[in-house]
Amino acid sequence: MEVLKTLALFIVTALAEIVGRYLPYLWLKQDRPAWLLVPAGISLALFDWLLSLHPAATGRVYAAYGGVYIDVAILWLWSVDGIRLWAIPHPISVTNPPIPRHLDYKEAISA
């Protein structure tokens, strides 16, 4: 049960952070009204308060939160922005190999 509470806290914290950063983006880049900065400030204040409720201020806790944050951010992209990640070209492909063309394979591994 404690794990579910912590996971729920991580998800709510991630949503508060994303909303607090997304609303100013709308104001700056999409010419939305300036009053959106008020709920953004409230959301970021909520985010700060929620961070204080996390089980411990250790690297492992924030690493776990980071993983949840990435998952929530991807869901936000899908549901709010309508961006599908499979439409974004992968950086490692046939036309863009991870090894520079002027190096051979052995030089790339030893580098």
Protein backbone atom coordinates (compact mmCIF):
# COMPACT_ATOMS: atom_id res chain seq x y z
CA MET A 1 0.00 0.00 0.00
CA GLU A 2 2.89 2.34 0.77
CA VAL A 3 4.26 1.80 -2.74
CA LEU A 4 0.92 2.82 -4.30
CA LYS A 5 0.78 5.96 -2.14
CA THR A 6 4.29 6.91 -3.19
CA LEU A 7 3.52 6.23 -6.86
CA ALA A 8 0.36 8.36 -6.64
CA LEU A 9 2.37 11.15 -4.99
CA PHE A 10 4.95 10.96 -7.79
CA ILE A 11 2.24 11.14 -10.47
CA VAL A 12 0.48 14.13 -8.85
CA THR A 13 3.85 15.86 -8.36
CA ALA A 14 4.74 15.30 -12.02
CA LEU A 15 1.38 16.65 -13.18
CA ALA A 16 1.79 19.76 -11.01
CA GLU A 17 5.25 20.35 -12.46
CA ILE A 18 4.14 19.81 -16.07
CA VAL A 19 1.08 22.07 -15.75
CA GLY A 20 3.18 24.73 -14.03
CA ARG A 21 5.58 24.74 -16.95
CA TYR A 22 3.05 24.21 -19.75
CA LEU A 23 0.83 27.20 -18.99
CA PRO A 24 3.64 29.79 -19.33
CA TYR A 25 4.61 28.06 -22.57
CA LEU A 26 1.08 28.62 -23.87
CA TRP A 27 1.29 32.30 -22.88
CA LEU A 28 4.74 32.83 -24.42
CA LYS A 29 4.54 30.76 -27.60
CA GLN A 30 0.87 30.51 -28.47
CA ASP A 31 -0.34 33.99 -27.50
CA ARG A 32 -2.71 32.77 -24.83
CA PRO A 33 -3.91 35.20 -22.13
CA ALA A 34 -1.52 36.31 -19.39
CA TRP A 35 -3.88 35.18 -16.63
CA LEU A 36 -2.63 31.65 -17.32
CA LEU A 37 0.43 32.64 -15.30
CA VAL A 38 -1.67 32.66 -12.12
CA PRO A 39 -2.64 28.96 -12.22
CA ALA A 40 0.91 28.21 -13.40
CA GLY A 41 2.31 29.84 -10.26
CA ILE A 42 -0.18 27.99 -8.09
CA SER A 43 0.71 24.72 -9.80
CA LEU A 44 4.44 25.27 -9.26
CA ALA A 45 3.82 26.17 -5.60
CA LEU A 46 1.84 22.93 -5.29
CA PHE A 47 4.73 21.11 -6.97
CA ASP A 48 7.19 22.49 -4.40
CA TRP A 49 4.92 21.49 -1.54
CA LEU A 50 4.42 18.00 -2.98
CA LEU A 51 8.19 17.57 -3.26
CA SER A 52 8.41 18.13 0.48
CA LEU A 53 6.04 15.18 1.00
CA HIS A 54 8.28 12.68 -0.81
CA PRO A 55 9.54 9.86 1.41
CA ALA A 56 13.17 11.05 1.62
CA ALA A 57 15.38 13.54 -0.14
CA THR A 58 17.76 10.97 -1.55
CA GLY A 59 19.06 10.30 -5.02
CA ARG A 60 17.11 7.07 -5.38
CA VAL A 61 13.81 8.74 -4.58
CA TYR A 62 14.42 11.50 -7.12
CA ALA A 63 15.60 8.97 -9.69
CA ALA A 64 12.34 7.08 -9.22
CA TYR A 65 10.41 10.35 -9.47
CA GLY A 66 12.33 11.16 -12.67
CA GLY A 67 11.16 7.91 -14.23
CA VAL A 68 7.56 8.64 -13.30
CA TYR A 69 7.96 12.21 -14.58
CA ILE A 70 9.10 10.95 -17.98
CA ASP A 71 6.14 8.57 -18.19
CA VAL A 72 3.67 11.32 -17.26
CA ALA A 73 5.34 13.71 -19.72
CA ILE A 74 4.96 11.19 -22.56
CA LEU A 75 1.29 10.68 -21.65
CA TRP A 76 0.89 14.48 -21.61
CA LEU A 77 2.39 14.70 -25.10
CA TRP A 78 -0.05 12.07 -26.35
CA SER A 79 -3.18 13.37 -24.65
CA VAL A 80 -2.75 17.16 -24.55
CA ASP A 81 -0.39 18.04 -27.39
CA GLY A 82 -1.42 15.20 -29.69
CA ILE A 83 2.21 14.26 -30.39
CA ARG A 84 2.88 10.62 -31.14
CA LEU A 85 6.46 9.65 -30.44
CA TRP A 86 6.49 7.04 -33.16
CA ALA A 87 6.13 9.90 -35.68
CA ILE A 88 9.47 11.33 -34.55
CA PRO A 89 12.39 9.81 -36.47
CA HIS A 90 14.74 7.78 -34.32
CA PRO A 91 18.24 9.32 -34.07
CA ILE A 92 19.86 5.97 -34.89
CA SER A 93 18.74 4.90 -38.33
CA VAL A 94 20.15 3.74 -41.63
CA THR A 95 20.56 7.32 -42.84
CA ASN A 96 22.03 8.50 -39.53
CA PRO A 97 24.33 5.79 -38.17
CA PRO A 98 25.72 6.16 -34.64
CA ILE A 99 29.29 5.66 -35.91
CA PRO A 100 30.77 8.56 -37.88
CA ARG A 101 31.34 7.59 -41.48
CA HIS A 102 35.02 8.60 -41.45
CA LEU A 103 35.83 6.13 -38.63
CA ASP A 104 35.93 2.42 -38.92
CA TYR A 105 34.18 0.19 -36.39
CA LYS A 106 37.25 -0.59 -34.25
CA GLU A 107 38.17 3.08 -33.87
CA ALA A 108 34.61 3.94 -32.84
CA ILE A 109 34.58 1.26 -30.12
CA SER A 110 37.95 2.27 -28.68
CA ALA A 111 37.04 5.94 -28.55
